[in-house]
Amino acid sequence: MDAIVREFLSEGAENLDRLDRDLLALTRDPGSPHLLANLFRTLHTVKGTSGCLALHRLEELAHAGETLLVRLRDRELALTPAVARLLHELVAAIRLLLARIAATGDDAGPDVGRVLAAVRAAAAERVEAERVETERVETERVETGWVEAERSETERVETERSEAERLPSTPPAEAGEFVPADALDRVGEPSIRVAASELDTLLRLAGELAGAGDEFTAHAERLADAGLLASAGRLDRIAADLRAAVRRSRMQPVELVWSRFPRLVRVLGDQCGKQVRLQMAGSEIELDRGVLEAIRDPLTHLVRNAVDHGIEPAEQRLAAGKPAHGTLRLHARTTTAGQVVVEVADDGAGIDLRAVGSGALARGLVTSDQLAAMSVGELRQLVFRPGLSTAPAVTRVSGRGVGMDVVKTNVEGVGGSVEIDSEPGRGTTCRLRVPKALIGDERCAQSAVSA
């Protein structure tokens, strides 16, 4: 759990930076659906991960922010200066909770109740910005105290970090004890965070080095110099070893993403009142860091969908002749084509294509004539349309019509594809096909030649 929390905090810092950038851009372009979608997806990620880690105050805050963004997305609420300020306060509150988590391991302490209430109140309004502004003015007098509280919390975190850095080697924590993130970095083998773009640069340079080695070999052959030929061969071996080492440094096991799912499934099962058993195979399969990051959110969404939409409640399963508990399977495997296939399969009720068609028709995604002419495969593809949801009500888990479009976009963004097989009453399998690595030797060689 310590490693997961540390990874969550690292991602949280990146998510906050992304929220700040998109909010600033949104104030210049208030009607941008692209920026609103980006903000929504980022908050959706924060909410999903915090719920998995039982950080319920952070989860509630992100959930309220999602609801407010839905109003903006559906043009039921205007992005007034008051609403924009409220969104910035929301980000500040999330930042304060993350600072608390970094210091103590939980999100208890900082009072974010005012911001949470204001966001919920704004989300409940429908194009009545005046009332939002009034509520904002009434709470303006405590804004200075809010900023001071955030600064005080940040200073305390920095003090604790300084004290942790003065400690000698930190022993492993006992069960249940939280170790500060900086102290964890010093346990075991030393490690550093390196941007994937830096590894891309190293890999490209290794390719260019190989190209230069080829030129050197050609010159040595023309000169028929045995010494130069030996040096050229050694240079080629070094370039190949360097390229392979950089590629290996980018490879990480699927387990890094899957490690959060046992708890997520347990929490979601409790929330949805369902019994779910999780089975995982192939967690040792390695993927390029960039590919792994791209499929992290899609896999999380597919797992949430399987528990919420796919697997039925115990009484319904028993009535259908199934065991009371549902089964969710995660399976990763490599293919002869150098791809990795990751499957998320459940033995639930399957996709209700009639509900999918009705939902698409109700939201104006298709016309009645188009719907009537669609095949079963085309109906399944409708689940990837933005805004489509078959959930009867919005909950913390689902019902907002966002998610499957993100799955498709993220996977295709790294050269992969998504397939869905579903059989009514038997379950659904979502299959992600992704490349094992983003950059291969051939691509490096081509970039070296073009350079």
Protein backbone atom coordinates (compact mmCIF):
# COMPACT_ATOMS: atom_id res chain seq x y z
CA MET A 1 0.00 0.00 0.00
CA ASP A 2 2.88 2.40 0.69
CA ALA A 3 4.12 2.02 -2.87
CA ILE A 4 0.60 2.56 -4.23
CA VAL A 5 0.09 5.70 -2.13
CA ARG A 6 3.45 7.04 -3.26
CA GLU A 7 2.51 6.46 -6.90
CA PHE A 8 -0.90 8.06 -6.29
CA LEU A 9 0.73 11.19 -4.83
CA SER A 10 3.10 11.43 -7.78
CA GLU A 11 0.19 11.15 -10.20
CA GLY A 12 -1.81 13.58 -8.06
CA ALA A 13 0.82 16.29 -8.51
CA GLU A 14 0.69 15.78 -12.27
CA ASN A 15 -3.12 15.84 -12.23
CA LEU A 16 -3.14 19.12 -10.28
CA ASP A 17 -0.78 20.73 -12.78
CA ARG A 18 -3.03 19.53 -15.59
CA LEU A 19 -6.14 20.90 -13.85
CA ASP A 20 -4.48 24.30 -13.35
CA ARG A 21 -3.46 24.51 -17.03
CA ASP A 22 -6.86 23.45 -18.35
CA LEU A 23 -8.74 25.78 -15.98
CA LEU A 24 -6.63 28.72 -17.12
CA ALA A 25 -7.27 27.83 -20.75
CA LEU A 26 -11.00 27.37 -20.05
CA THR A 27 -11.33 30.94 -18.75
CA ARG A 28 -10.10 32.11 -22.17
CA ASP A 29 -12.36 29.70 -24.04
CA PRO A 30 -15.37 29.01 -21.76
CA GLY A 31 -17.30 26.93 -24.27
CA SER A 32 -14.49 24.55 -25.24
CA PRO A 33 -15.83 20.97 -25.06
CA HIS A 34 -12.27 19.67 -25.35
CA LEU A 35 -11.09 21.51 -22.22
CA LEU A 36 -14.21 20.54 -20.27
CA ALA A 37 -13.65 16.90 -21.25
CA ASN A 38 -10.02 17.10 -20.11
CA LEU A 39 -11.01 18.56 -16.74
CA PHE A 40 -13.70 15.94 -16.29
CA ARG A 41 -11.38 13.05 -17.11
CA THR A 42 -8.70 14.29 -14.75
CA LEU A 43 -11.17 14.61 -11.86
CA HIS A 44 -12.60 11.22 -12.78
CA THR A 45 -9.13 9.71 -12.40
CA VAL A 46 -8.60 11.41 -9.01
CA LYS A 47 -11.99 10.21 -7.80
CA GLY A 48 -11.50 6.62 -8.94
CA THR A 49 -8.06 6.21 -7.40
CA SER A 50 -8.94 7.95 -4.13
CA GLY A 51 -11.98 5.73 -3.76
CA CYS A 52 -9.78 2.69 -4.27
CA LEU A 53 -7.46 3.91 -1.49
CA ALA A 54 -10.38 4.69 0.87
CA LEU A 55 -9.61 8.43 0.78
CA HIS A 56 -13.28 9.27 1.01
CA ARG A 57 -13.07 13.04 1.59
CA LEU A 58 -10.95 13.44 -1.52
CA GLU A 59 -13.32 11.15 -3.39
CA GLU A 60 -16.34 13.26 -2.34
CA LEU A 61 -14.62 16.46 -3.42
CA ALA A 62 -13.71 15.08 -6.85
CA HIS A 63 -17.21 13.63 -7.24
CA ALA A 64 -18.79 17.03 -6.55
CA GLY A 65 -16.42 18.62 -9.07
CA GLU A 66 -17.49 16.05 -11.67
CA THR A 67 -21.14 16.97 -11.14
CA LEU A 68 -20.37 20.67 -11.59
CA LEU A 69 -18.46 19.98 -14.80
CA VAL A 70 -21.37 17.92 -16.12
CA ARG A 71 -23.59 21.01 -15.73
CA LEU A 72 -21.05 23.06 -17.64
CA ARG A 73 -20.63 20.39 -20.31
CA ASP A 74 -24.39 20.10 -20.86
CA ARG A 75 -24.72 23.94 -20.90
CA GLU A 76 -27.04 23.86 -17.90
CA LEU A 77 -24.69 26.22 -16.10
CA ALA A 78 -22.68 29.14 -17.43
CA LEU A 79 -18.98 29.53 -16.68
CA THR A 80 -19.25 32.82 -14.82
CA PRO A 81 -16.29 34.36 -12.96
CA ALA A 82 -17.83 33.02 -9.74
CA VAL A 83 -17.95 29.47 -11.07
CA ALA A 84 -14.41 29.76 -12.41
CA ARG A 85 -13.18 30.91 -8.98
CA LEU A 86 -15.02 28.02 -7.39
CA LEU A 87 -13.26 25.55 -9.68
CA HIS A 88 -9.91 27.06 -8.70
CA GLU A 89 -10.88 26.70 -5.03
CA LEU A 90 -11.76 23.08 -5.73
CA VAL A 91 -8.26 22.47 -7.09
CA ALA A 92 -6.74 24.25 -4.06
CA ALA A 93 -8.77 22.01 -1.74
CA ILE A 94 -7.59 18.88 -3.57
CA ARG A 95 -4.01 20.14 -3.30
CA LEU A 96 -4.46 20.63 0.46
CA LEU A 97 -5.79 17.10 0.91
CA LEU A 98 -2.91 15.64 -1.10
CA ALA A 99 -0.45 17.52 1.13
CA ARG A 100 -2.17 15.98 4.15
CA ILE A 101 -1.97 12.49 2.62
CA ALA A 102 1.74 12.96 1.90
CA ALA A 103 2.34 13.92 5.52
CA THR A 104 0.13 11.47 7.41
CA GLY A 105 -1.20 8.85 4.99
CA ASP A 106 -4.87 9.91 5.24
CA ASP A 107 -7.03 12.84 4.16
CA ALA A 108 -8.46 13.67 7.59
CA GLY A 109 -7.67 17.09 9.01
CA PRO A 110 -7.99 19.98 6.54
CA ASP A 111 -11.49 21.46 6.52
CA VAL A 112 -12.76 21.36 2.96
CA GLY A 113 -16.41 21.37 3.95
CA ARG A 114 -17.02 24.95 2.77
CA VAL A 115 -15.63 24.30 -0.69
CA LEU A 116 -17.46 20.97 -0.93
CA ALA A 117 -20.76 22.61 0.01
CA ALA A 118 -20.21 25.50 -2.41
CA VAL A 119 -19.40 23.14 -5.31
CA ARG A 120 -22.47 21.03 -4.57
CA ALA A 121 -24.63 24.13 -4.36
CA ALA A 122 -23.32 25.46 -7.67
CA ALA A 123 -23.83 22.07 -9.32
CA ALA A 124 -27.45 22.07 -8.15
CA GLU A 125 -28.18 25.34 -9.93
CA ARG A 126 -29.38 25.44 -13.52
CA VAL A 127 -28.21 28.64 -15.25
CA GLU A 128 -28.82 30.71 -12.12
CA ALA A 129 -25.37 32.16 -11.75
CA GLU A 130 -26.57 35.06 -9.61
CA ARG A 131 -27.32 32.80 -6.68
CA VAL A 132 -23.90 31.13 -7.01
CA GLU A 133 -22.27 34.57 -6.94
CA THR A 134 -24.25 35.52 -3.83
CA GLU A 135 -23.09 32.38 -2.03
CA ARG A 136 -19.56 33.11 -3.13
CA VAL A 137 -19.69 36.65 -1.72
CA GLU A 138 -21.06 35.38 1.60
CA THR A 139 -18.04 33.10 2.01
CA GLU A 140 -15.48 35.59 0.64
CA ARG A 141 -14.53 36.74 4.11
CA VAL A 142 -13.01 33.34 4.98
CA GLU A 143 -10.93 33.11 1.81
CA THR A 144 -7.87 34.65 3.44
CA GLY A 145 -8.05 32.13 6.26
CA TRP A 146 -8.32 29.33 3.67
CA VAL A 147 -5.15 30.45 1.90
CA GLU A 148 -3.30 30.76 5.20
CA ALA A 149 -4.43 27.28 6.22
CA GLU A 150 -3.13 25.85 2.96
CA ARG A 151 0.21 27.66 3.36
CA SER A 152 0.51 26.42 6.95
CA GLU A 153 -0.18 22.85 5.90
CA THR A 154 2.42 23.07 3.12
CA GLU A 155 5.05 24.45 5.51
CA ARG A 156 4.36 21.62 7.95
CA VAL A 157 4.79 19.03 5.20
CA GLU A 158 8.13 20.59 4.18
CA THR A 159 9.31 20.53 7.81
CA GLU A 160 8.47 16.84 8.13
CA ARG A 161 10.27 16.12 4.87
CA SER A 162 13.40 17.88 6.16
CA GLU A 163 13.30 15.86 9.36
CA ALA A 164 12.86 12.63 7.37
CA GLU A 165 15.87 13.47 5.21
CA ARG A 166 18.07 13.81 8.32
CA LEU A 167 17.23 10.27 9.39
CA PRO A 168 19.73 7.47 8.74
CA SER A 169 18.55 4.43 6.80
CA THR A 170 14.85 3.99 7.50
CA PRO A 171 13.80 0.43 8.43
CA PRO A 172 10.69 -1.09 6.81
CA ALA A 173 7.47 -0.03 8.51
CA GLU A 174 5.47 -2.37 10.63
CA ALA A 175 2.05 -3.41 9.42
CA GLY A 176 -0.30 -0.46 9.29
CA GLU A 177 2.41 2.15 9.78
CA PHE A 178 2.66 4.90 7.16
CA VAL A 179 6.12 5.80 5.92
CA PRO A 180 6.67 9.27 4.37
CA ALA A 181 7.13 9.05 0.59
CA ASP A 182 10.65 10.53 0.72
CA ALA A 183 11.72 7.97 3.33
CA LEU A 184 10.35 5.13 1.22
CA ASP A 185 12.55 6.24 -1.66
CA ARG A 186 15.60 5.49 0.50
CA VAL A 187 14.56 1.93 1.43
CA GLY A 188 16.16 -0.80 -0.67
CA GLU A 189 17.75 -0.10 -4.02
CA PRO A 190 18.12 3.62 -4.83
CA SER A 191 15.76 4.87 -7.54
CA ILE A 192 14.88 8.09 -9.30
CA ARG A 193 11.96 9.25 -11.41
CA VAL A 194 12.89 9.86 -15.02
CA ALA A 195 10.51 11.36 -17.57
CA ALA A 196 9.58 8.92 -20.33
CA SER A 197 10.57 11.60 -22.87
CA GLU A 198 14.14 11.46 -21.54
CA LEU A 199 14.26 7.72 -22.11
CA ASP A 200 12.86 8.32 -25.61
CA THR A 201 15.73 10.70 -26.26
CA LEU A 202 18.28 8.15 -25.02
CA LEU A 203 16.75 5.48 -27.23
CA ARG A 204 16.84 7.77 -30.27
CA LEU A 205 20.46 8.66 -29.58
CA ALA A 206 21.29 4.96 -29.28
CA GLY A 207 19.79 4.47 -32.72
CA GLU A 208 21.83 7.32 -34.12
CA LEU A 209 24.93 5.80 -32.53
CA ALA A 210 24.17 2.53 -34.31
CA GLY A 211 23.84 4.40 -37.61
CA ALA A 212 27.17 6.13 -37.07
CA GLY A 213 28.71 2.72 -36.26
CA ASP A 214 27.47 1.37 -39.59
CA GLU A 215 29.16 4.25 -41.39
CA PHE A 216 32.38 3.60 -39.46
CA THR A 217 32.24 -0.08 -40.38
CA ALA A 218 31.80 0.77 -44.06
CA HIS A 219 34.86 3.04 -44.01
CA ALA A 220 36.91 0.37 -42.18
CA GLU A 221 35.96 -2.23 -44.80
CA ARG A 222 37.02 0.05 -47.65
CA LEU A 223 40.37 0.62 -45.93
CA ALA A 224 40.69 -3.11 -45.17
CA ASP A 225 42.11 -2.23 -41.78
CA ALA A 226 41.78 -5.12 -39.34
CA GLY A 227 42.17 -2.85 -36.31
CA LEU A 228 39.45 -0.47 -37.48
CA LEU A 229 37.14 -3.39 -38.28
CA ALA A 230 37.60 -4.76 -34.76
CA SER A 231 36.83 -1.34 -33.26
CA ALA A 232 33.77 -1.02 -35.50
CA GLY A 233 32.47 -4.38 -34.32
CA ARG A 234 32.95 -3.40 -30.70
CA LEU A 235 31.18 -0.08 -31.30
CA ASP A 236 28.24 -1.92 -32.87
CA ARG A 237 27.94 -4.27 -29.88
CA ILE A 238 28.05 -1.35 -27.44
CA ALA A 239 25.33 0.51 -29.38
CA ALA A 240 23.13 -2.59 -29.44
CA ASP A 241 23.61 -3.20 -25.71
CA LEU A 242 22.87 0.46 -24.94
CA ARG A 243 19.69 0.39 -27.01
CA ALA A 244 18.54 -2.82 -25.33
CA ALA A 245 19.31 -1.46 -21.85
CA VAL A 246 17.31 1.72 -22.45
CA ARG A 247 14.38 -0.28 -23.76
CA ARG A 248 14.51 -2.57 -20.72
CA SER A 249 14.52 0.46 -18.42
CA ARG A 250 11.16 1.45 -19.89
CA MET A 251 9.58 -1.97 -19.37
CA GLN A 252 7.42 -2.51 -16.28
CA PRO A 253 5.13 -5.38 -15.23
CA VAL A 254 1.37 -5.11 -15.63
CA GLU A 255 1.22 -5.84 -11.90
CA LEU A 256 2.04 -2.18 -11.19
CA VAL A 257 -1.41 -1.28 -12.51
CA TRP A 258 -3.21 -4.41 -11.33
CA SER A 259 -2.02 -4.06 -7.72
CA ARG A 260 -4.76 -1.54 -7.03
CA PHE A 261 -7.60 -3.68 -8.35
CA PRO A 262 -8.15 -6.18 -5.49
CA ARG A 263 -9.00 -3.34 -3.13
CA LEU A 264 -10.96 -1.47 -5.81
CA VAL A 265 -13.11 -4.53 -6.54
CA ARG A 266 -13.73 -5.10 -2.83
CA VAL A 267 -14.75 -1.48 -2.24
CA LEU A 268 -16.96 -1.33 -5.33
CA GLY A 269 -18.58 -4.64 -4.44
CA ASP A 270 -19.50 -3.26 -1.03
CA GLN A 271 -20.83 -0.03 -2.55
CA CYS A 272 -22.92 -1.88 -5.13
CA GLY A 273 -24.05 -4.65 -2.78
CA LYS A 274 -22.45 -7.42 -4.87
CA GLN A 275 -20.18 -10.38 -4.23
CA VAL A 276 -17.24 -10.36 -6.63
CA ARG A 277 -14.17 -12.58 -6.84
CA LEU A 278 -11.16 -11.27 -8.74
CA GLN A 279 -8.85 -13.60 -10.65
CA MET A 280 -5.61 -12.34 -12.25
CA ALA A 281 -3.18 -14.08 -14.59
CA GLY A 282 -0.19 -12.78 -16.48
CA SER A 283 0.66 -9.97 -14.08
CA GLU A 284 4.34 -10.55 -14.80
CA ILE A 285 3.91 -9.53 -18.47
CA GLU A 286 5.94 -6.39 -19.12
CA LEU A 287 4.94 -3.35 -21.15
CA ASP A 288 6.62 -0.11 -22.09
CA ARG A 289 6.05 2.52 -19.40
CA GLY A 290 4.22 4.75 -21.89
CA VAL A 291 1.86 1.94 -22.90
CA LEU A 292 1.24 1.03 -19.27
CA GLU A 293 0.36 4.62 -18.41
CA ALA A 294 -1.98 4.82 -21.41
CA ILE A 295 -4.00 1.75 -20.37
CA ARG A 296 -4.07 2.50 -16.61
CA ASP A 297 -7.28 4.57 -16.71
CA PRO A 298 -8.98 2.37 -19.35
CA LEU A 299 -8.40 -0.75 -17.26
CA THR A 300 -9.67 0.99 -14.12
CA HIS A 301 -12.82 2.05 -15.93
CA LEU A 302 -13.41 -1.45 -17.35
CA VAL A 303 -13.07 -2.97 -13.88
CA ARG A 304 -15.53 -0.44 -12.44
CA ASN A 305 -17.95 -1.11 -15.30
CA ALA A 306 -17.75 -4.86 -14.78
CA VAL A 307 -18.63 -4.60 -11.09
CA ASP A 308 -21.29 -1.91 -11.47
CA HIS A 309 -22.95 -2.84 -14.77
CA GLY A 310 -21.89 -6.39 -15.58
CA ILE A 311 -22.09 -8.58 -12.48
CA GLU A 312 -25.57 -8.99 -11.05
CA PRO A 313 -26.64 -8.91 -7.37
CA ALA A 314 -26.49 -12.27 -5.58
CA GLU A 315 -30.26 -12.86 -5.58
CA GLN A 316 -30.49 -12.19 -9.31
CA ARG A 317 -27.59 -14.54 -10.04
CA LEU A 318 -29.10 -17.31 -7.91
CA ALA A 319 -32.41 -16.93 -9.75
CA ALA A 320 -30.55 -17.37 -13.04
CA GLY A 321 -28.83 -20.54 -11.82
CA LYS A 322 -25.46 -18.88 -11.24
CA PRO A 323 -23.35 -18.87 -8.07
CA ALA A 324 -24.06 -15.96 -5.73
CA HIS A 325 -20.64 -14.45 -6.29
CA GLY A 326 -19.61 -13.05 -9.65
CA THR A 327 -16.17 -13.59 -11.15
CA LEU A 328 -14.02 -10.89 -12.70
CA ARG A 329 -10.94 -12.05 -14.60
CA LEU A 330 -7.91 -10.04 -15.64
CA HIS A 331 -5.63 -11.84 -18.05
CA ALA A 332 -2.54 -10.57 -19.87
CA ARG A 333 -0.67 -12.49 -22.55
CA THR A 334 1.77 -11.84 -25.36
CA THR A 335 1.17 -12.66 -29.02
CA THR A 336 3.49 -13.81 -31.77
CA ALA A 337 3.04 -10.41 -33.42
CA GLY A 338 4.82 -8.67 -30.53
CA GLN A 339 1.61 -7.36 -28.99
CA VAL A 340 0.18 -7.74 -25.51
CA VAL A 341 -3.49 -8.61 -25.04
CA VAL A 342 -5.12 -7.58 -21.77
CA GLU A 343 -8.61 -8.96 -21.13
CA VAL A 344 -11.18 -7.83 -18.59
CA ALA A 345 -13.91 -10.48 -18.46
CA ASP A 346 -16.91 -10.96 -16.19
CA ASP A 347 -19.58 -13.65 -15.94
CA GLY A 348 -22.39 -11.12 -15.53
CA ALA A 349 -25.52 -10.28 -17.44
CA GLY A 350 -23.80 -9.10 -20.61
CA ILE A 351 -24.45 -5.90 -22.53
CA ASP A 352 -28.12 -5.00 -22.97
CA LEU A 353 -28.06 -3.87 -26.59
CA ARG A 354 -31.63 -2.59 -26.37
CA ALA A 355 -30.63 -0.28 -23.51
CA VAL A 356 -27.58 0.81 -25.48
CA GLY A 357 -29.72 1.64 -28.52
CA SER A 358 -32.35 3.45 -26.44
CA GLY A 359 -29.67 5.45 -24.63
CA ALA A 360 -28.00 6.47 -27.88
CA LEU A 361 -31.34 7.46 -29.37
CA ALA A 362 -32.39 9.45 -26.29
CA ARG A 363 -29.12 11.42 -26.32
CA GLY A 364 -29.29 12.15 -30.02
CA LEU A 365 -26.23 10.10 -30.87
CA VAL A 366 -28.10 8.24 -33.61
CA THR A 367 -31.38 8.56 -35.45
CA SER A 368 -34.12 5.95 -35.33
CA ASP A 369 -33.40 4.97 -38.95
CA GLN A 370 -29.68 4.55 -38.22
CA LEU A 371 -30.48 2.50 -35.13
CA ALA A 372 -32.81 0.19 -37.05
CA ALA A 373 -30.13 -0.49 -39.67
CA MET A 374 -27.34 -1.33 -37.19
CA SER A 375 -25.89 -4.80 -36.79
CA VAL A 376 -25.08 -6.36 -33.41
CA GLY A 377 -21.43 -5.38 -33.82
CA GLU A 378 -22.33 -1.79 -34.65
CA LEU A 379 -24.62 -1.61 -31.60
CA ARG A 380 -21.74 -2.74 -29.40
CA GLN A 381 -19.57 -0.01 -30.86
CA LEU A 382 -22.09 2.58 -29.62
CA VAL A 383 -20.78 2.12 -26.08
CA PHE A 384 -17.66 4.02 -27.19
CA ARG A 385 -19.68 7.13 -28.07
CA PRO A 386 -19.10 10.06 -25.65
CA GLY A 387 -22.09 10.77 -23.42
CA LEU A 388 -23.68 7.31 -23.65
CA SER A 389 -24.71 5.66 -20.39
CA THR A 390 -27.22 2.93 -19.60
CA ALA A 391 -27.12 3.53 -15.84
CA PRO A 392 -30.56 4.52 -14.48
CA ALA A 393 -29.07 7.09 -12.08
CA VAL A 394 -25.82 8.92 -11.44
CA THR A 395 -23.82 7.38 -8.62
CA ARG A 396 -20.24 7.64 -7.40
CA VAL A 397 -19.43 4.68 -9.62
CA SER A 398 -21.07 5.48 -12.95
CA GLY A 399 -23.93 7.03 -14.85
CA ARG A 400 -22.33 10.11 -16.37
CA GLY A 401 -21.78 8.83 -19.89
CA VAL A 402 -18.00 9.12 -19.80
CA GLY A 403 -15.42 6.39 -19.75
CA MET A 404 -15.65 4.02 -22.69
CA ASP A 405 -14.75 6.83 -25.08
CA VAL A 406 -11.66 7.43 -22.92
CA VAL A 407 -10.84 3.72 -23.11
CA LYS A 408 -10.94 3.78 -26.91
CA THR A 409 -9.06 7.09 -27.22
CA ASN A 410 -6.24 6.12 -24.84
CA VAL A 411 -5.69 2.67 -26.31
CA GLU A 412 -5.76 3.82 -29.92
CA GLY A 413 -3.41 6.66 -28.96
CA VAL A 414 -0.60 4.12 -28.47
CA GLY A 415 -1.40 2.15 -31.59
CA GLY A 416 -3.73 -0.36 -29.94
CA SER A 417 -7.31 -1.45 -30.39
CA VAL A 418 -10.32 -2.40 -28.26
CA GLU A 419 -12.66 -5.33 -28.84
CA ILE A 420 -15.86 -6.23 -26.99
CA ASP A 421 -17.50 -9.65 -26.90
CA SER A 422 -20.72 -10.04 -24.94
CA GLU A 423 -23.33 -12.74 -24.59
CA PRO A 424 -26.61 -12.04 -22.77
CA GLY A 425 -26.68 -13.86 -19.47
CA ARG A 426 -23.12 -15.15 -19.84
CA GLY A 427 -20.94 -12.09 -19.45
CA THR A 428 -18.74 -9.57 -21.26
CA THR A 429 -15.09 -9.59 -22.31
CA CYS A 430 -13.24 -6.39 -23.18
CA ARG A 431 -9.96 -7.04 -24.96
CA LEU A 432 -7.21 -4.43 -25.25
CA ARG A 433 -4.54 -5.11 -27.88
CA VAL A 434 -1.51 -2.88 -27.40
CA PRO A 435 2.11 -2.88 -28.61
CA LYS A 436 4.67 -4.19 -26.14
CA ALA A 437 6.84 -1.11 -26.69
CA LEU A 438 6.20 2.35 -28.08
CA ILE A 439 9.56 2.56 -29.83
CA GLY A 440 11.32 -0.40 -31.42
CA ASP A 441 14.76 -0.97 -32.89
CA GLU A 442 13.49 -0.52 -36.42
CA ARG A 443 12.02 2.86 -35.61
CA CYS A 444 15.27 3.93 -33.98
CA ALA A 445 17.22 2.87 -37.04
CA GLN A 446 14.88 4.82 -39.30
CA SER A 447 15.19 7.94 -37.17
CA ALA A 448 18.95 7.57 -37.20
CA VAL A 449 19.04 7.35 -41.00
CA SER A 450 16.71 10.32 -41.43
CA ALA A 451 18.82 12.36 -39.01
